[in-house]
Amino acid sequence: MLAGEADGVSLPRLCKRLGLRMSVLLRELAWIGEDPIGGHAGPGWVRVETRGETQVAVLTKRGRERLRTGGGEPRE
């Protein structure tokens, strides 16, 4: 879903599309995001940006690479 949105997707819209509550979405984004949790760095696939009063989830370069390679070694 984020792969097709270069400018990202607002968190409320993402909740609606996925059928999730905001608290659940934020927990999931935390696990795949850039910030460390419990002293362990996240994989950095997604970043949450604040734009005015709106929070937007954006796929990072690392996240796009993960999608491209399927999580294995980079493809040539």
PDB file of N, CA and C in Angstrom:
ATOM      1  N   MET A   1       0.819  -1.180   0.000  1.00  0.00           N
ATOM      2  CA  MET A   1       0.000   0.000   0.000  1.00  0.00           C
ATOM      3  C   MET A   1       0.872   1.255   0.000  1.00  0.00           C
ATOM      4  N   LEU A   2       1.907   1.287   0.815  1.00  0.00           N
ATOM      5  CA  LEU A   2       2.789   2.454   0.844  1.00  0.00           C
ATOM      6  C   LEU A   2       3.689   2.521  -0.382  1.00  0.00           C
ATOM      7  N   ALA A   3       3.963   1.377  -0.991  1.00  0.00           N
ATOM      8  CA  ALA A   3       4.858   1.350  -2.148  1.00  0.00           C
ATOM      9  C   ALA A   3       4.321   2.178  -3.305  1.00  0.00           C
ATOM     10  N   GLY A   4       3.021   2.261  -3.446  1.00  0.00           N
ATOM     11  CA  GLY A   4       2.419   3.013  -4.536  1.00  0.00           C
ATOM     12  C   GLY A   4       2.179   4.476  -4.216  1.00  0.00           C
ATOM     13  N   GLU A   5       2.560   4.906  -3.036  1.00  0.00           N
ATOM     14  CA  GLU A   5       2.317   6.280  -2.594  1.00  0.00           C
ATOM     15  C   GLU A   5       3.643   6.950  -2.256  1.00  0.00           C
ATOM     16  N   ALA A   6       4.255   7.604  -3.227  1.00  0.00           N
ATOM     17  CA  ALA A   6       5.566   8.229  -3.026  1.00  0.00           C
ATOM     18  C   ALA A   6       5.551   9.281  -1.919  1.00  0.00           C
ATOM     19  N   ASP A   7       4.423   9.980  -1.760  1.00  0.00           N
ATOM     20  CA  ASP A   7       4.321  11.012  -0.728  1.00  0.00           C
ATOM     21  C   ASP A   7       3.821  10.463   0.597  1.00  0.00           C
ATOM     22  N   GLY A   8       3.585   9.164   0.669  1.00  0.00           N
ATOM     23  CA  GLY A   8       3.110   8.551   1.893  1.00  0.00           C
ATOM     24  C   GLY A   8       1.596   8.553   1.990  1.00  0.00           C
ATOM     25  N   VAL A   9       1.101   8.017   3.097  1.00  0.00           N
ATOM     26  CA  VAL A   9      -0.334   7.918   3.355  1.00  0.00           C
ATOM     27  C   VAL A   9      -0.581   8.422   4.770  1.00  0.00           C
ATOM     28  N   SER A  10      -1.603   9.261   4.931  1.00  0.00           N
ATOM     29  CA  SER A  10      -1.918   9.761   6.270  1.00  0.00           C
ATOM     30  C   SER A  10      -2.320   8.579   7.152  1.00  0.00           C
ATOM     31  N   LEU A  11      -1.989   8.679   8.429  1.00  0.00           N
ATOM     32  CA  LEU A  11      -2.282   7.575   9.333  1.00  0.00           C
ATOM     33  C   LEU A  11      -3.779   7.290   9.445  1.00  0.00           C
ATOM     34  N   PRO A  12      -4.649   8.318   9.517  1.00  0.00           N
ATOM     35  CA  PRO A  12      -6.084   8.007   9.546  1.00  0.00           C
ATOM     36  C   PRO A  12      -6.555   7.256   8.295  1.00  0.00           C
ATOM     37  N   ARG A  13      -6.060   7.640   7.137  1.00  0.00           N
ATOM     38  CA  ARG A  13      -6.435   6.953   5.897  1.00  0.00           C
ATOM     39  C   ARG A  13      -5.913   5.518   5.906  1.00  0.00           C
ATOM     40  N   LEU A  14      -4.689   5.329   6.387  1.00  0.00           N
ATOM     41  CA  LEU A  14      -4.104   3.994   6.464  1.00  0.00           C
ATOM     42  C   LEU A  14      -4.913   3.106   7.410  1.00  0.00           C
ATOM     43  N   CYS A  15      -5.345   3.662   8.543  1.00  0.00           N
ATOM     44  CA  CYS A  15      -6.195   2.909   9.474  1.00  0.00           C
ATOM     45  C   CYS A  15      -7.466   2.446   8.782  1.00  0.00           C
ATOM     46  N   LYS A  16      -8.081   3.350   8.055  1.00  0.00           N
ATOM     47  CA  LYS A  16      -9.341   3.024   7.386  1.00  0.00           C
ATOM     48  C   LYS A  16      -9.130   1.940   6.327  1.00  0.00           C
ATOM     49  N   ARG A  17      -8.070   2.084   5.517  1.00  0.00           N
ATOM     50  CA  ARG A  17      -7.800   1.098   4.462  1.00  0.00           C
ATOM     51  C   ARG A  17      -7.504  -0.283   5.023  1.00  0.00           C
ATOM     52  N   LEU A  18      -6.793  -0.314   6.160  1.00  0.00           N
ATOM     53  CA  LEU A  18      -6.403  -1.593   6.749  1.00  0.00           C
ATOM     54  C   LEU A  18      -7.421  -2.134   7.745  1.00  0.00           C
ATOM     55  N   GLY A  19      -8.381  -1.294   8.129  1.00  0.00           N
ATOM     56  CA  GLY A  19      -9.373  -1.717   9.115  1.00  0.00           C
ATOM     57  C   GLY A  19      -8.789  -1.870  10.506  1.00  0.00           C
ATOM     58  N   LEU A  20      -7.842  -0.986  10.857  1.00  0.00           N
ATOM     59  CA  LEU A  20      -7.172  -1.049  12.154  1.00  0.00           C
ATOM     60  C   LEU A  20      -7.473   0.186  12.991  1.00  0.00           C
ATOM     61  N   ARG A  21      -7.375   0.035  14.295  1.00  0.00           N
ATOM     62  CA  ARG A  21      -7.424   1.194  15.186  1.00  0.00           C
ATOM     63  C   ARG A  21      -6.066   1.882  15.131  1.00  0.00           C
ATOM     64  N   MET A  22      -6.058   3.175  15.435  1.00  0.00           N
ATOM     65  CA  MET A  22      -4.815   3.952  15.388  1.00  0.00           C
ATOM     66  C   MET A  22      -3.759   3.360  16.321  1.00  0.00           C
ATOM     67  N   SER A  23      -4.147   2.932  17.512  1.00  0.00           N
ATOM     68  CA  SER A  23      -3.170   2.386  18.460  1.00  0.00           C
ATOM     69  C   SER A  23      -2.484   1.140  17.899  1.00  0.00           C
ATOM     70  N   VAL A  24      -3.237   0.306  17.207  1.00  0.00           N
ATOM     71  CA  VAL A  24      -2.673  -0.912  16.608  1.00  0.00           C
ATOM     72  C   VAL A  24      -1.723  -0.532  15.475  1.00  0.00           C
ATOM     73  N   LEU A  25      -2.144   0.400  14.632  1.00  0.00           N
ATOM     74  CA  LEU A  25      -1.296   0.845  13.523  1.00  0.00           C
ATOM     75  C   LEU A  25       0.018   1.421  14.038  1.00  0.00           C
ATOM     76  N   LEU A  26      -0.048   2.262  15.064  1.00  0.00           N
ATOM     77  CA  LEU A  26       1.169   2.870  15.606  1.00  0.00           C
ATOM     78  C   LEU A  26       2.122   1.824  16.176  1.00  0.00           C
ATOM     79  N   ARG A  27       1.588   0.805  16.822  1.00  0.00           N
ATOM     80  CA  ARG A  27       2.452  -0.274  17.332  1.00  0.00           C
ATOM     81  C   ARG A  27       3.135  -1.011  16.188  1.00  0.00           C
ATOM     82  N   GLU A  28       2.381  -1.316  15.147  1.00  0.00           N
ATOM     83  CA  GLU A  28       2.957  -2.021  13.996  1.00  0.00           C
ATOM     84  C   GLU A  28       4.019  -1.169  13.303  1.00  0.00           C
ATOM     85  N   LEU A  29       3.732   0.111  13.125  1.00  0.00           N
ATOM     86  CA  LEU A  29       4.704   1.004  12.489  1.00  0.00           C
ATOM     87  C   LEU A  29       5.964   1.132  13.337  1.00  0.00           C
ATOM     88  N   ALA A  30       5.805   1.099  14.655  1.00  0.00           N
ATOM     89  CA  ALA A  30       6.974   1.186  15.537  1.00  0.00           C
ATOM     90  C   ALA A  30       7.914   0.003  15.313  1.00  0.00           C
ATOM     91  N   TRP A  31       7.353  -1.181  15.125  1.00  0.00           N
ATOM     92  CA  TRP A  31       8.187  -2.374  14.934  1.00  0.00           C
ATOM     93  C   TRP A  31       8.966  -2.354  13.622  1.00  0.00           C
ATOM     94  N   ILE A  32       8.419  -1.714  12.594  1.00  0.00           N
ATOM     95  CA  ILE A  32       9.105  -1.703  11.294  1.00  0.00           C
ATOM     96  C   ILE A  32       9.722  -0.342  10.982  1.00  0.00           C
ATOM     97  N   GLY A  33       9.686   0.549  11.952  1.00  0.00           N
ATOM     98  CA  GLY A  33      10.194   1.903  11.755  1.00  0.00           C
ATOM     99  C   GLY A  33      11.674   2.053  12.034  1.00  0.00           C
ATOM    100  N   GLU A  34      12.085   3.307  12.144  1.00  0.00           N
ATOM    101  CA  GLU A  34      13.497   3.647  12.306  1.00  0.00           C
ATOM    102  C   GLU A  34      13.938   3.778  13.762  1.00  0.00           C
ATOM    103  N   ASP A  35      13.011   4.051  14.656  1.00  0.00           N
ATOM    104  CA  ASP A  35      13.369   4.307  16.049  1.00  0.00           C
ATOM    105  C   ASP A  35      13.630   3.014  16.809  1.00  0.00           C
ATOM    106  N   PRO A  36      14.604   3.041  17.734  1.00  0.00           N
ATOM    107  CA  PRO A  36      14.884   1.845  18.526  1.00  0.00           C
ATOM    108  C   PRO A  36      13.770   1.570  19.538  1.00  0.00           C
ATOM    109  N   ILE A  37      13.544   0.298  19.804  1.00  0.00           N
ATOM    110  CA  ILE A  37      12.582  -0.137  20.816  1.00  0.00           C
ATOM    111  C   ILE A  37      13.332  -1.056  21.774  1.00  0.00           C
ATOM    112  N   GLY A  38      13.343  -0.701  23.038  1.00  0.00           N
ATOM    113  CA  GLY A  38      14.031  -1.527  24.029  1.00  0.00           C
ATOM    114  C   GLY A  38      15.510  -1.682  23.741  1.00  0.00           C
ATOM    115  N   GLY A  39      16.118  -0.650  23.187  1.00  0.00           N
ATOM    116  CA  GLY A  39      17.545  -0.691  22.892  1.00  0.00           C
ATOM    117  C   GLY A  39      17.908  -1.392  21.594  1.00  0.00           C
ATOM    118  N   HIS A  40      16.913  -1.882  20.867  1.00  0.00           N
ATOM    119  CA  HIS A  40      17.157  -2.565  19.597  1.00  0.00           C
ATOM    120  C   HIS A  40      16.667  -1.699  18.445  1.00  0.00           C
ATOM    121  N   ALA A  41      17.535  -1.472  17.478  1.00  0.00           N
ATOM    122  CA  ALA A  41      17.167  -0.650  16.321  1.00  0.00           C
ATOM    123  C   ALA A  41      16.140  -1.374  15.462  1.00  0.00           C
ATOM    124  N   GLY A  42      15.170  -0.612  14.960  1.00  0.00           N
ATOM    125  CA  GLY A  42      14.189  -1.172  14.035  1.00  0.00           C
ATOM    126  C   GLY A  42      14.802  -1.328  12.653  1.00  0.00           C
ATOM    127  N   PRO A  43      14.134  -2.042  11.754  1.00  0.00           N
ATOM    128  CA  PRO A  43      14.673  -2.244  10.412  1.00  0.00           C
ATOM    129  C   PRO A  43      14.656  -0.983   9.552  1.00  0.00           C
ATOM    130  N   GLY A  44      13.865   0.016   9.934  1.00  0.00           N
ATOM    131  CA  GLY A  44      13.863   1.280   9.197  1.00  0.00           C
ATOM    132  C   GLY A  44      13.150   1.237   7.866  1.00  0.00           C
ATOM    133  N   TRP A  45      12.124   0.416   7.751  1.00  0.00           N
ATOM    134  CA  TRP A  45      11.398   0.304   6.483  1.00  0.00           C
ATOM    135  C   TRP A  45      10.385   1.416   6.291  1.00  0.00           C
ATOM    136  N   VAL A  46       9.898   1.981   7.394  1.00  0.00           N
ATOM    137  CA  VAL A  46       8.857   3.011   7.343  1.00  0.00           C
ATOM    138  C   VAL A  46       9.234   4.155   8.272  1.00  0.00           C
ATOM    139  N   ARG A  47       8.875   5.367   7.863  1.00  0.00           N
ATOM    140  CA  ARG A  47       9.089   6.558   8.688  1.00  0.00           C
ATOM    141  C   ARG A  47       7.744   7.263   8.829  1.00  0.00           C
ATOM    142  N   VAL A  48       7.451   7.774  10.025  1.00  0.00           N
ATOM    143  CA  VAL A  48       6.242   8.569  10.237  1.00  0.00           C
ATOM    144  C   VAL A  48       6.670  10.026  10.314  1.00  0.00           C
ATOM    145  N   GLU A  49       6.128  10.833   9.409  1.00  0.00           N
ATOM    146  CA  GLU A  49       6.451  12.261   9.344  1.00  0.00           C
ATOM    147  C   GLU A  49       5.246  13.070   9.795  1.00  0.00           C
ATOM    148  N   THR A  50       5.505  14.215  10.416  1.00  0.00           N
ATOM    149  CA  THR A  50       4.438  15.140  10.780  1.00  0.00           C
ATOM    150  C   THR A  50       4.423  16.259   9.762  1.00  0.00           C
ATOM    151  N   ARG A  51       3.278  16.444   9.133  1.00  0.00           N
ATOM    152  CA  ARG A  51       3.098  17.503   8.134  1.00  0.00           C
ATOM    153  C   ARG A  51       1.928  18.364   8.591  1.00  0.00           C
ATOM    154  N   GLY A  52       2.263  19.487   9.201  1.00  0.00           N
ATOM    155  CA  GLY A  52       1.215  20.308   9.793  1.00  0.00           C
ATOM    156  C   GLY A  52       0.618  19.551  10.965  1.00  0.00           C
ATOM    157  N   GLU A  53      -0.681  19.300  10.900  1.00  0.00           N
ATOM    158  CA  GLU A  53      -1.355  18.554  11.964  1.00  0.00           C
ATOM    159  C   GLU A  53      -1.558  17.084  11.602  1.00  0.00           C
ATOM    160  N   THR A  54      -1.026  16.672  10.461  1.00  0.00           N
ATOM    161  CA  THR A  54      -1.246  15.310   9.969  1.00  0.00           C
ATOM    162  C   THR A  54       0.026  14.481  10.080  1.00  0.00           C
ATOM    163  N   GLN A  55      -0.118  13.240  10.526  1.00  0.00           N
ATOM    164  CA  GLN A  55       0.999  12.305  10.523  1.00  0.00           C
ATOM    165  C   GLN A  55       0.855  11.415   9.297  1.00  0.00           C
ATOM    166  N   VAL A  56       1.991  11.204   8.622  1.00  0.00           N
ATOM    167  CA  VAL A  56       2.004  10.469   7.358  1.00  0.00           C
ATOM    168  C   VAL A  56       3.038   9.345   7.440  1.00  0.00           C
ATOM    169  N   ALA A  57       2.651   8.141   7.026  1.00  0.00           N
ATOM    170  CA  ALA A  57       3.578   7.014   6.946  1.00  0.00           C
ATOM    171  C   ALA A  57       4.195   6.996   5.555  1.00  0.00           C
ATOM    172  N   VAL A  58       5.527   6.916   5.518  1.00  0.00           N
ATOM    173  CA  VAL A  58       6.265   6.946   4.258  1.00  0.00           C
ATOM    174  C   VAL A  58       7.208   5.747   4.214  1.00  0.00           C
ATOM    175  N   LEU A  59       7.215   5.049   3.101  1.00  0.00           N
ATOM    176  CA  LEU A  59       8.151   3.954   2.904  1.00  0.00           C
ATOM    177  C   LEU A  59       9.539   4.548   2.672  1.00  0.00           C
ATOM    178  N   THR A  60      10.529   4.082   3.411  1.00  0.00           N
ATOM    179  CA  THR A  60      11.889   4.600   3.278  1.00  0.00           C
ATOM    180  C   THR A  60      12.608   3.919   2.111  1.00  0.00           C
ATOM    181  N   LYS A  61      13.782   4.414   1.807  1.00  0.00           N
ATOM    182  CA  LYS A  61      14.602   3.792   0.758  1.00  0.00           C
ATOM    183  C   LYS A  61      14.894   2.339   1.130  1.00  0.00           C
ATOM    184  N   ARG A  62      15.192   2.110   2.392  1.00  0.00           N
ATOM    185  CA  ARG A  62      15.460   0.750   2.871  1.00  0.00           C
ATOM    186  C   ARG A  62      14.213  -0.130   2.718  1.00  0.00           C
ATOM    187  N   GLY A  63      13.035   0.443   2.974  1.00  0.00           N
ATOM    188  CA  GLY A  63      11.781  -0.291   2.811  1.00  0.00           C
ATOM    189  C   GLY A  63      11.515  -0.646   1.361  1.00  0.00           C
ATOM    190  N   ARG A  64      11.802   0.292   0.458  1.00  0.00           N
ATOM    191  CA  ARG A  64      11.624   0.019  -0.976  1.00  0.00           C
ATOM    192  C   ARG A  64      12.577  -1.087  -1.432  1.00  0.00           C
ATOM    193  N   GLU A  65      13.796  -1.057  -0.913  1.00  0.00           N
ATOM    194  CA  GLU A  65      14.771  -2.098  -1.257  1.00  0.00           C
ATOM    195  C   GLU A  65      14.296  -3.458  -0.742  1.00  0.00           C
ATOM    196  N   ARG A  66      13.736  -3.460   0.448  1.00  0.00           N
ATOM    197  CA  ARG A  66      13.202  -4.702   1.032  1.00  0.00           C
ATOM    198  C   ARG A  66      12.106  -5.285   0.133  1.00  0.00           C
ATOM    199  N   LEU A  67      11.225  -4.437  -0.365  1.00  0.00           N
ATOM    200  CA  LEU A  67      10.172  -4.901  -1.271  1.00  0.00           C
ATOM    201  C   LEU A  67      10.757  -5.412  -2.586  1.00  0.00           C
ATOM    202  N   ARG A  68      11.746  -4.702  -3.091  1.00  0.00           N
ATOM    203  CA  ARG A  68      12.356  -5.070  -4.371  1.00  0.00           C
ATOM    204  C   ARG A  68      13.058  -6.425  -4.301  1.00  0.00           C
ATOM    205  N   THR A  69      13.761  -6.665  -3.201  1.00  0.00           N
ATOM    206  CA  THR A  69      14.544  -7.893  -3.078  1.00  0.00           C
ATOM    207  C   THR A  69      13.780  -9.030  -2.422  1.00  0.00           C
ATOM    208  N   GLY A  70      12.639  -8.723  -1.846  1.00  0.00           N
ATOM    209  CA  GLY A  70      11.894  -9.760  -1.138  1.00  0.00           C
ATOM    210  C   GLY A  70      12.544 -10.159   0.170  1.00  0.00           C
ATOM    211  N   GLY A  71      13.470  -9.338   0.650  1.00  0.00           N
ATOM    212  CA  GLY A  71      14.097  -9.603   1.941  1.00  0.00           C
ATOM    213  C   GLY A  71      15.362 -10.421   1.864  1.00  0.00           C
ATOM    214  N   GLY A  72      15.688 -10.933   0.693  1.00  0.00           N
ATOM    215  CA  GLY A  72      16.911 -11.722   0.549  1.00  0.00           C
ATOM    216  C   GLY A  72      18.060 -10.842   0.094  1.00  0.00           C
ATOM    217  N   GLU A  73      18.993 -11.442  -0.554  1.00  0.00           N
ATOM    218  CA  GLU A  73      20.123 -10.698  -1.098  1.00  0.00           C
ATOM    219  C   GLU A  73      19.650  -9.792  -2.230  1.00  0.00           C
ATOM    220  N   PRO A  74      20.257  -8.612  -2.384  1.00  0.00           N
ATOM    221  CA  PRO A  74      19.863  -7.715  -3.476  1.00  0.00           C
ATOM    222  C   PRO A  74      19.978  -8.396  -4.830  1.00  0.00           C
ATOM    223  N   ARG A  75      19.000  -8.123  -5.677  1.00  0.00           N
ATOM    224  CA  ARG A  75      19.002  -8.682  -7.032  1.00  0.00           C
ATOM    225  C   ARG A  75      19.873  -7.845  -7.943  1.00  0.00           C
ATOM    226  N   GLU A  76      20.484  -8.506  -8.890  1.00  0.00           N
ATOM    227  CA  GLU A  76      21.337  -7.803  -9.862  1.00  0.00           C
ATOM    228  C   GLU A  76      20.514  -7.288 -11.000  1.00  0.00           C
TER     229      GLU A  76
END
